[in-house]
Amino acid sequence: MGKRILIVDDSSIMRKMIRETLTSGGHEVIGEAKNGADAVALYQDLNPDLITMDITMRGMDGLAAAKEILELDKSAHIIFFSNLDEEKYSQDVKEIGAKGYVNKHNQSEILKLIDRL
């Protein structure tokens, strides 16, 4: 059964690519946000099963947004999806309670991670 997913990325092109990957895997994209503040607001409104979160965005970045969402709902499922150094950031995202980190160059990996959740 597919998950209801909120995509958070400041790039509209990247959001479109993520949407295509997720929908091809049988998931439903229920919302998109271009920054962390929008992500927090949409999370509260939409109550998605899962969030894909970029790290670097203007205003509130993905790490700050994830912390805020996890304060609101400790059971939130967040997967970071970024081009930043995986070795450096994968530990950071685990420490704040995210479910994983996937490099944007390995889009198919996000479907495998979602299936494991």
C-alpha atoms as a PDB file:
ATOM      1  CA  MET A   1       0.000   0.000   0.000  1.00  0.00           C
ATOM      2  CA  GLY A   2       1.346   3.403  -0.984  1.00  0.00           C
ATOM      3  CA  LYS A   3       2.188   6.139   1.486  1.00  0.00           C
ATOM      4  CA  ARG A   4       0.809   9.686   1.570  1.00  0.00           C
ATOM      5  CA  ILE A   5       3.902  11.859   1.171  1.00  0.00           C
ATOM      6  CA  LEU A   6       4.840  15.516   1.619  1.00  0.00           C
ATOM      7  CA  ILE A   7       7.795  16.644  -0.545  1.00  0.00           C
ATOM      8  CA  VAL A   8       9.969  19.462   0.802  1.00  0.00           C
ATOM      9  CA  ASP A   9      12.579  20.939  -1.557  1.00  0.00           C
ATOM     10  CA  ASP A  10      13.351  24.486  -2.654  1.00  0.00           C
ATOM     11  CA  SER A  11      13.809  23.438  -6.290  1.00  0.00           C
ATOM     12  CA  SER A  12      10.611  23.035  -8.309  1.00  0.00           C
ATOM     13  CA  ILE A  13      12.505  20.809 -10.775  1.00  0.00           C
ATOM     14  CA  MET A  14      13.654  18.559  -7.951  1.00  0.00           C
ATOM     15  CA  ARG A  15      10.147  18.412  -6.460  1.00  0.00           C
ATOM     16  CA  LYS A  16       8.847  17.291  -9.861  1.00  0.00           C
ATOM     17  CA  MET A  17      11.525  14.583 -10.153  1.00  0.00           C
ATOM     18  CA  ILE A  18      10.834  13.343  -6.612  1.00  0.00           C
ATOM     19  CA  ARG A  19       7.081  13.342  -7.314  1.00  0.00           C
ATOM     20  CA  GLU A  20       7.607  11.218 -10.434  1.00  0.00           C
ATOM     21  CA  THR A  21       9.816   8.756  -8.553  1.00  0.00           C
ATOM     22  CA  LEU A  22       7.347   8.434  -5.676  1.00  0.00           C
ATOM     23  CA  THR A  23       4.231   8.095  -7.809  1.00  0.00           C
ATOM     24  CA  SER A  24       5.936   5.510 -10.021  1.00  0.00           C
ATOM     25  CA  GLY A  25       6.479   3.538  -6.808  1.00  0.00           C
ATOM     26  CA  GLY A  26       2.768   3.613  -5.979  1.00  0.00           C
ATOM     27  CA  HIS A  27       2.838   6.479  -3.470  1.00  0.00           C
ATOM     28  CA  GLU A  28       0.592   9.539  -3.337  1.00  0.00           C
ATOM     29  CA  VAL A  29       2.131  13.021  -3.084  1.00  0.00           C
ATOM     30  CA  ILE A  30      -0.345  15.015  -1.001  1.00  0.00           C
ATOM     31  CA  GLY A  31       1.631  18.247  -0.794  1.00  0.00           C
ATOM     32  CA  GLU A  32       4.789  20.119  -1.660  1.00  0.00           C
ATOM     33  CA  ALA A  33       6.715  22.764   0.280  1.00  0.00           C
ATOM     34  CA  LYS A  34       9.606  24.940  -0.847  1.00  0.00           C
ATOM     35  CA  ASN A  35      11.033  25.704   2.616  1.00  0.00           C
ATOM     36  CA  GLY A  36      11.039  24.484   6.178  1.00  0.00           C
ATOM     37  CA  ALA A  37       8.392  26.855   7.509  1.00  0.00           C
ATOM     38  CA  ASP A  38       5.946  25.760   4.805  1.00  0.00           C
ATOM     39  CA  ALA A  39       6.812  22.133   5.594  1.00  0.00           C
ATOM     40  CA  VAL A  40       5.880  22.529   9.268  1.00  0.00           C
ATOM     41  CA  ALA A  41       2.575  24.205   8.389  1.00  0.00           C
ATOM     42  CA  LEU A  42       1.692  21.617   5.725  1.00  0.00           C
ATOM     43  CA  TYR A  43       2.633  18.747   8.022  1.00  0.00           C
ATOM     44  CA  GLN A  44       0.086  19.975  10.555  1.00  0.00           C
ATOM     45  CA  ASP A  45      -2.597  20.485   7.890  1.00  0.00           C
ATOM     46  CA  LEU A  46      -2.045  17.292   5.859  1.00  0.00           C
ATOM     47  CA  ASN A  47      -0.735  14.765   8.401  1.00  0.00           C
ATOM     48  CA  PRO A  48       1.295  12.809   5.802  1.00  0.00           C
ATOM     49  CA  ASP A  49       2.619   9.296   6.371  1.00  0.00           C
ATOM     50  CA  LEU A  50       6.087  10.436   5.323  1.00  0.00           C
ATOM     51  CA  ILE A  51       8.099  13.549   4.461  1.00  0.00           C
ATOM     52  CA  THR A  52      10.995  13.803   2.008  1.00  0.00           C
ATOM     53  CA  MET A  53      13.120  16.732   3.178  1.00  0.00           C
ATOM     54  CA  ASP A  54      15.936  18.657   1.535  1.00  0.00           C
ATOM     55  CA  ILE A  55      18.578  20.063   3.895  1.00  0.00           C
ATOM     56  CA  THR A  56      19.539  23.421   2.410  1.00  0.00           C
ATOM     57  CA  MET A  57      16.670  25.831   1.808  1.00  0.00           C
ATOM     58  CA  ARG A  58      16.169  29.560   2.317  1.00  0.00           C
ATOM     59  CA  GLY A  59      14.663  30.618   5.593  1.00  0.00           C
ATOM     60  CA  MET A  60      14.171  27.559   7.776  1.00  0.00           C
ATOM     61  CA  ASP A  61      16.382  24.721   6.538  1.00  0.00           C
ATOM     62  CA  GLY A  62      15.411  21.066   6.519  1.00  0.00           C
ATOM     63  CA  LEU A  63      17.201  20.151   9.744  1.00  0.00           C
ATOM     64  CA  ALA A  64      15.405  22.896  11.692  1.00  0.00           C
ATOM     65  CA  ALA A  65      12.059  21.964  10.106  1.00  0.00           C
ATOM     66  CA  ALA A  66      12.541  18.287  10.940  1.00  0.00           C
ATOM     67  CA  LYS A  67      13.329  19.123  14.562  1.00  0.00           C
ATOM     68  CA  GLU A  68      10.185  21.247  14.788  1.00  0.00           C
ATOM     69  CA  ILE A  69       7.997  18.589  13.150  1.00  0.00           C
ATOM     70  CA  LEU A  70       9.406  15.887  15.433  1.00  0.00           C
ATOM     71  CA  GLU A  71       8.679  18.089  18.464  1.00  0.00           C
ATOM     72  CA  LEU A  72       5.062  18.281  17.280  1.00  0.00           C
ATOM     73  CA  ASP A  73       4.869  14.566  16.452  1.00  0.00           C
ATOM     74  CA  LYS A  74       7.587  12.194  17.662  1.00  0.00           C
ATOM     75  CA  SER A  75       6.228   9.495  15.335  1.00  0.00           C
ATOM     76  CA  ALA A  76       6.725  11.574  12.159  1.00  0.00           C
ATOM     77  CA  HIS A  77       8.617   9.731   9.401  1.00  0.00           C
ATOM     78  CA  ILE A  78      11.175  11.993   7.723  1.00  0.00           C
ATOM     79  CA  ILE A  79      13.656  10.961   5.056  1.00  0.00           C
ATOM     80  CA  PHE A  80      16.281  13.469   4.040  1.00  0.00           C
ATOM     81  CA  PHE A  81      16.914  13.668   0.328  1.00  0.00           C
ATOM     82  CA  SER A  82      19.948  15.825  -0.455  1.00  0.00           C
ATOM     83  CA  ASN A  83      23.096  16.221  -2.535  1.00  0.00           C
ATOM     84  CA  LEU A  84      25.177  17.165   0.496  1.00  0.00           C
ATOM     85  CA  ASP A  85      27.949  14.937   1.866  1.00  0.00           C
ATOM     86  CA  GLU A  86      26.167  11.759   2.930  1.00  0.00           C
ATOM     87  CA  GLU A  87      28.856  10.741   5.424  1.00  0.00           C
ATOM     88  CA  LYS A  88      28.605  14.066   7.243  1.00  0.00           C
ATOM     89  CA  TYR A  89      24.838  14.526   7.219  1.00  0.00           C
ATOM     90  CA  SER A  90      23.535  10.963   7.592  1.00  0.00           C
ATOM     91  CA  GLN A  91      24.667  10.969  11.235  1.00  0.00           C
ATOM     92  CA  ASP A  92      23.113  14.412  11.853  1.00  0.00           C
ATOM     93  CA  VAL A  93      19.727  13.349  10.505  1.00  0.00           C
ATOM     94  CA  LYS A  94      19.720  10.154  12.580  1.00  0.00           C
ATOM     95  CA  GLU A  95      20.517  12.151  15.724  1.00  0.00           C
ATOM     96  CA  ILE A  96      17.445  14.337  15.274  1.00  0.00           C
ATOM     97  CA  GLY A  97      15.210  11.314  14.714  1.00  0.00           C
ATOM     98  CA  ALA A  98      14.872  11.104  10.933  1.00  0.00           C
ATOM     99  CA  LYS A  99      14.404   7.684   9.342  1.00  0.00           C
ATOM    100  CA  GLY A 100      17.218   8.013   6.840  1.00  0.00           C
ATOM    101  CA  TYR A 101      19.261   9.925   4.306  1.00  0.00           C
ATOM    102  CA  VAL A 102      19.274   9.347   0.548  1.00  0.00           C
ATOM    103  CA  ASN A 103      21.520  11.104  -1.944  1.00  0.00           C
ATOM    104  CA  LYS A 104      19.542  12.771  -4.749  1.00  0.00           C
ATOM    105  CA  HIS A 105      21.742  11.013  -7.291  1.00  0.00           C
ATOM    106  CA  ASN A 106      20.301   7.673  -6.100  1.00  0.00           C
ATOM    107  CA  GLN A 107      16.586   8.410  -6.427  1.00  0.00           C
ATOM    108  CA  SER A 108      15.613   4.759  -6.634  1.00  0.00           C
ATOM    109  CA  GLU A 109      17.038   4.268  -3.139  1.00  0.00           C
ATOM    110  CA  ILE A 110      14.267   6.396  -1.672  1.00  0.00           C
ATOM    111  CA  LEU A 111      11.676   3.829  -2.753  1.00  0.00           C
ATOM    112  CA  LYS A 112      13.682   1.032  -1.114  1.00  0.00           C
ATOM    113  CA  LEU A 113      13.928   3.019   2.132  1.00  0.00           C
ATOM    114  CA  ILE A 114      10.208   3.821   2.108  1.00  0.00           C
ATOM    115  CA  ASP A 115       9.398   0.129   1.612  1.00  0.00           C
ATOM    116  CA  ARG A 116      11.476  -0.724   4.688  1.00  0.00           C
ATOM    117  CA  LEU A 117       9.525   1.694   6.908  1.00  0.00           C
END
